[in-house]
Amino acid sequence: MTRQGIFLGRPSSTEEIWNGNGANAALMALASAGLTLLDSTLVALGGSATYTGAAVDSSPYSRLVGIVFADRAGTLNVDQSQDGVNWDYTSPFSIAISSGLAFSVEVVAPFVRMRIVNGTVAQAILRAYLRGRVI
């Protein structure tokens, strides 16, 4: 079975980890290694545009890790919240032009979201993944 789209949220099993090309063995291997996909986007942003992911339950995890690649400069913000509404803590990371960014953030609140703010020039490429890690 081929599924369309990008999974957002915490899967209940490794079978639910998928991407636009169907089941992805690499993602299933990550899940078995203690990493769970919480959010991702492959949609390039226009100039000065922002991607804001949905609030995700981060309470089962001790760390938030991921990678971002974009062909234009911008900022990745890993936002954390006590209630999923008020985003009181942000860990910002600069995204360099055409250079991959790996990040790791300690979980300090029960909700998390990924927010990417693009610079003034439209992107042609954006790949961003946020995962929860149980340590």
Protein backbone atom coordinates (compact mmCIF):
# COMPACT_ATOMS: atom_id res chain seq x y z
CA MET A 1 0.00 0.00 0.00
CA THR A 2 1.36 3.44 -0.92
CA ARG A 3 0.52 6.35 1.34
CA GLN A 4 0.61 9.95 0.26
CA GLY A 5 1.86 12.82 2.38
CA ILE A 6 4.14 13.38 5.32
CA PHE A 7 3.31 11.97 8.76
CA LEU A 8 2.83 14.60 11.48
CA GLY A 9 2.62 13.55 15.10
CA ARG A 10 3.77 10.57 17.09
CA PRO A 11 3.16 7.17 15.46
CA SER A 12 1.71 4.34 17.51
CA SER A 13 3.88 1.78 15.73
CA THR A 14 6.76 1.61 13.27
CA GLU A 15 4.20 0.65 10.60
CA GLU A 16 2.83 4.21 10.81
CA ILE A 17 6.18 5.84 10.02
CA TRP A 18 6.03 6.71 6.33
CA ASN A 19 6.71 9.38 3.76
CA GLY A 20 5.39 10.31 0.33
CA ASN A 21 7.15 7.32 -1.27
CA GLY A 22 5.47 4.74 0.98
CA ALA A 23 7.05 2.79 3.85
CA ASN A 24 10.61 3.88 4.48
CA ALA A 25 12.96 1.24 5.92
CA ALA A 26 15.43 3.89 7.15
CA LEU A 27 12.74 5.59 9.24
CA MET A 28 11.62 2.26 10.66
CA ALA A 29 15.23 1.56 11.66
CA LEU A 30 15.36 4.94 13.42
CA ALA A 31 12.19 4.10 15.35
CA SER A 32 13.67 0.82 16.53
CA ALA A 33 16.77 2.79 17.65
CA GLY A 34 14.65 4.95 19.97
CA LEU A 35 13.89 7.80 17.52
CA THR A 36 10.33 8.71 16.60
CA LEU A 37 9.40 11.15 13.82
CA LEU A 38 7.39 14.00 15.35
CA ASP A 39 7.24 16.45 12.44
CA SER A 40 8.65 16.97 8.97
CA THR A 41 8.26 19.17 5.94
CA LEU A 42 9.56 19.08 2.38
CA VAL A 43 7.67 22.18 1.21
CA ALA A 44 10.01 25.01 0.17
CA LEU A 45 9.15 28.41 1.67
CA GLY A 46 8.69 31.71 -0.11
CA GLY A 47 10.75 34.75 0.81
CA SER A 48 10.25 35.74 4.48
CA ALA A 49 7.71 32.91 4.91
CA THR A 50 7.36 30.71 8.01
CA TYR A 51 6.58 27.02 8.47
CA THR A 52 4.90 26.34 11.81
CA GLY A 53 4.38 22.71 12.74
CA ALA A 54 1.56 21.45 14.93
CA ALA A 55 1.98 21.09 18.68
CA VAL A 56 3.19 17.57 19.46
CA ASP A 57 3.29 15.71 22.80
CA SER A 58 6.97 15.58 23.79
CA SER A 59 6.48 14.04 27.25
CA PRO A 60 7.70 10.52 26.27
CA TYR A 61 11.06 11.91 25.11
CA SER A 62 14.15 13.31 26.81
CA ARG A 63 15.73 14.88 23.69
CA LEU A 64 14.56 16.41 20.44
CA VAL A 65 16.89 15.84 17.51
CA GLY A 66 16.75 16.38 13.79
CA ILE A 67 18.19 17.72 10.59
CA VAL A 68 17.38 20.61 8.28
CA PHE A 69 18.66 21.34 4.79
CA ALA A 70 17.68 24.42 2.80
CA ASP A 71 19.16 26.16 -0.21
CA ARG A 72 18.55 29.57 1.42
CA ALA A 73 19.48 30.99 4.81
CA GLY A 74 16.93 31.03 7.58
CA THR A 75 16.26 30.09 11.20
CA LEU A 76 15.03 26.87 12.77
CA ASN A 77 13.19 27.37 16.06
CA VAL A 78 12.38 24.41 18.30
CA ASP A 79 9.58 25.83 20.46
CA GLN A 80 8.45 24.24 23.75
CA SER A 81 5.28 24.85 25.73
CA GLN A 82 3.60 23.83 28.97
CA ASP A 83 0.12 23.86 27.38
CA GLY A 84 0.57 23.63 23.57
CA VAL A 85 -0.70 27.22 23.17
CA ASN A 86 1.85 29.53 24.81
CA TRP A 87 5.35 28.93 23.44
CA ASP A 88 7.54 30.13 26.30
CA TYR A 89 10.90 28.56 25.38
CA THR A 90 12.64 28.60 22.00
CA SER A 91 15.92 27.05 20.90
CA PRO A 92 16.99 28.92 17.71
CA PHE A 93 19.45 27.57 15.15
CA SER A 94 20.82 29.38 12.08
CA ILE A 95 20.33 27.57 8.77
CA ALA A 96 23.25 28.28 6.43
CA ILE A 97 22.78 28.33 2.65
CA SER A 98 22.95 24.80 1.19
CA SER A 99 24.50 23.35 4.33
CA GLY A 100 22.88 20.67 6.48
CA LEU A 101 22.08 21.46 10.10
CA ALA A 102 21.88 18.77 12.78
CA PHE A 103 20.41 19.79 16.13
CA SER A 104 19.75 18.37 19.59
CA VAL A 105 17.61 19.98 22.29
CA GLU A 106 16.75 18.84 25.81
CA VAL A 107 13.01 18.43 26.43
CA VAL A 108 11.91 20.91 29.12
CA ALA A 109 8.15 21.07 28.47
CA PRO A 110 5.37 18.63 27.50
CA PHE A 111 4.67 20.13 24.03
CA VAL A 112 6.97 20.93 21.13
CA ARG A 113 6.75 22.30 17.61
CA MET A 114 9.18 23.00 14.79
CA ARG A 115 9.13 26.49 13.28
CA ILE A 116 11.25 27.53 10.29
CA VAL A 117 11.60 31.17 9.27
CA ASN A 118 13.03 31.68 5.79
CA GLY A 119 15.17 34.63 4.78
CA THR A 120 14.08 37.13 2.13
CA VAL A 121 14.83 34.89 -0.89
CA ALA A 122 12.44 32.06 -1.79
CA GLN A 123 13.70 28.52 -1.26
CA ALA A 124 13.79 25.86 -3.95
CA ILE A 125 14.70 23.12 -1.44
CA LEU A 126 13.70 22.51 2.17
CA ARG A 127 14.00 19.23 4.06
CA ALA A 128 13.32 19.35 7.79
CA TYR A 129 12.79 16.54 10.30
CA LEU A 130 12.11 16.67 14.05
CA ARG A 131 12.41 13.46 16.05
CA GLY A 132 11.95 12.54 19.70
CA ARG A 133 14.58 10.39 21.39
CA VAL A 134 14.07 8.26 24.48
CA ILE A 135 17.29 8.12 26.47
